[in-house]
Protein backbone atom coordinates (compact mmCIF):
# COMPACT_ATOMS: atom_id res chain seq x y z
CA GLU A 1 -180.86 -73.07 -37.34
CA LEU A 2 -180.43 -69.71 -35.65
CA MET A 3 -176.86 -70.60 -34.70
CA LEU A 4 -176.11 -71.52 -38.32
CA VAL A 5 -177.43 -68.13 -39.53
CA VAL A 6 -175.27 -66.30 -36.96
CA ILE A 7 -172.18 -68.26 -38.06
CA ILE A 8 -172.84 -67.51 -41.75
CA ILE A 9 -173.30 -63.80 -41.02
CA GLY A 10 -170.07 -63.81 -39.00
CA ILE A 11 -168.14 -65.44 -41.85
CA LEU A 12 -169.53 -63.00 -44.41
CA ALA A 13 -168.73 -60.03 -42.16
CA SER A 14 -165.14 -61.22 -41.68
CA ILE A 15 -164.73 -61.34 -45.46
CA ILE A 16 -166.48 -58.08 -46.38
CA VAL A 17 -165.45 -55.67 -43.60
CA PRO A 18 -161.70 -55.67 -44.36
CA ARG A 19 -162.39 -54.85 -48.03
CA PHE A 20 -164.20 -51.61 -47.12
CA ALA A 21 -162.09 -50.55 -44.15
CA GLY A 22 -159.70 -48.31 -46.12
CA ARG A 23 -162.35 -46.78 -48.37
CA SER A 24 -163.30 -43.98 -45.97
CA LYS A 25 -159.91 -42.28 -46.21
CA GLN A 26 -159.82 -42.75 -49.98
CA ALA A 27 -163.29 -41.19 -50.30
CA ARG A 28 -162.27 -38.17 -48.21
CA VAL A 29 -159.13 -37.62 -50.31
CA SER A 30 -161.21 -37.80 -53.50
CA ALA A 31 -163.73 -35.31 -52.09
CA ALA A 32 -160.93 -32.92 -51.11
CA LEU A 33 -159.42 -33.12 -54.61
CA ALA A 34 -162.81 -32.42 -56.21
CA ASN A 35 -163.35 -29.41 -53.94
CA ILE A 36 -159.84 -28.11 -54.67
CA LYS A 37 -160.48 -28.35 -58.42
CA SER A 38 -163.75 -26.47 -58.01
CA ILE A 39 -162.13 -23.71 -55.93
CA ALA A 40 -159.20 -23.50 -58.36
CA LEU A 41 -161.61 -22.97 -61.26
CA ALA A 42 -163.35 -20.20 -59.30
CA LEU A 43 -159.96 -18.61 -58.55
CA ASP A 44 -159.03 -18.66 -62.23
CA LEU A 45 -162.38 -17.11 -63.22
CA TYR A 46 -161.88 -14.40 -60.60
CA GLU A 47 -158.41 -13.71 -62.00
CA LEU A 48 -159.81 -13.42 -65.53
CA ASP A 49 -162.43 -10.90 -64.39
CA GLU A 50 -160.33 -8.86 -61.94
CA GLY A 51 -156.82 -9.24 -63.36
CA ARG A 52 -155.49 -10.62 -60.07
CA TYR A 53 -156.19 -13.40 -57.59
CA PRO A 54 -158.26 -12.56 -54.50
CA ASP A 55 -156.65 -11.90 -51.13
CA ASN A 56 -158.80 -14.64 -49.57
CA LEU A 57 -161.25 -17.34 -50.61
CA ALA A 58 -164.24 -15.48 -49.13
CA ALA A 59 -164.01 -13.07 -52.10
CA LEU A 60 -165.23 -15.90 -54.35
CA VAL A 61 -168.65 -16.09 -52.66
CA PRO A 62 -171.36 -15.72 -54.04
CA LYS A 63 -170.31 -14.74 -57.58
CA TYR A 64 -167.95 -17.67 -58.26
CA LEU A 65 -168.97 -20.19 -55.58
CA LYS A 66 -172.33 -20.67 -53.90
CA LYS A 67 -170.60 -21.18 -50.59
CA LEU A 68 -167.15 -21.94 -49.33
CA ARG A 69 -166.99 -25.52 -48.12
CA LYS A 70 -164.68 -26.94 -45.50
CA ASP A 71 -162.50 -29.90 -46.35
CA PRO A 72 -163.62 -33.45 -45.43
CA TRP A 73 -161.81 -33.11 -42.07
CA ASP A 74 -163.86 -29.99 -41.21
CA MET A 75 -160.98 -27.56 -41.76
CA ASP A 76 -160.77 -24.52 -44.02
CA TYR A 77 -158.82 -24.99 -47.24
CA TYR A 78 -155.38 -23.38 -47.09
CA TYR A 79 -155.03 -20.56 -49.62
CA GLU A 80 -152.06 -18.28 -50.12
CA LYS A 81 -151.84 -15.70 -52.87
CA LYS A 82 -148.43 -15.57 -54.59
CA THR A 83 -147.02 -13.11 -57.10
CA ASP A 84 -147.14 -15.77 -59.82
CA GLY A 85 -150.31 -17.61 -58.75
CA TYR A 86 -151.48 -19.22 -55.54
CA ILE A 87 -151.20 -22.21 -53.24
CA LEU A 88 -154.41 -24.12 -52.54
CA ARG A 89 -154.52 -27.27 -50.44
CA SER A 90 -156.27 -29.29 -47.79
CA CYS A 91 -154.11 -29.94 -44.76
CA GLY A 92 -155.32 -33.54 -44.75
CA PRO A 93 -156.27 -35.97 -42.00
CA ASP A 94 -153.77 -34.68 -39.44
CA LYS A 95 -155.11 -31.11 -39.89
CA THR A 96 -151.55 -29.73 -40.10
CA CYS A 97 -150.36 -28.07 -43.30
CA GLY A 98 -146.87 -28.52 -44.64
CA ASN A 99 -146.34 -32.25 -44.33
CA GLU A 100 -146.73 -35.38 -46.47
CA ASP A 101 -150.47 -35.89 -46.01
CA ASP A 102 -151.46 -32.50 -47.51
CA ILE A 103 -153.77 -32.77 -50.49
CA GLU A 104 -153.30 -30.45 -53.44
CA GLU A 105 -153.90 -30.52 -57.15
């Protein structure tokens, strides 16, 4: 009986585990996108109040954001102020900005 239970658990695990294997990356990408949208909203509110975008993201705390979060890969979000707006992104899983796995809105 015990052997039968072990076999059944093994069969169920072999069916279920592959279905959830890729969900971790997808969840991190979704979290990064949600954080980017939140930071972008704070940047736009700052621009409405001050007439310009901040020089760095730290200027948003505490008036526009409670705290500045790191991305799901424990890196700071990349922010660059431009004359016509800004660039805001997560460098993604490889932690290197400027390649295909960057996450931006």
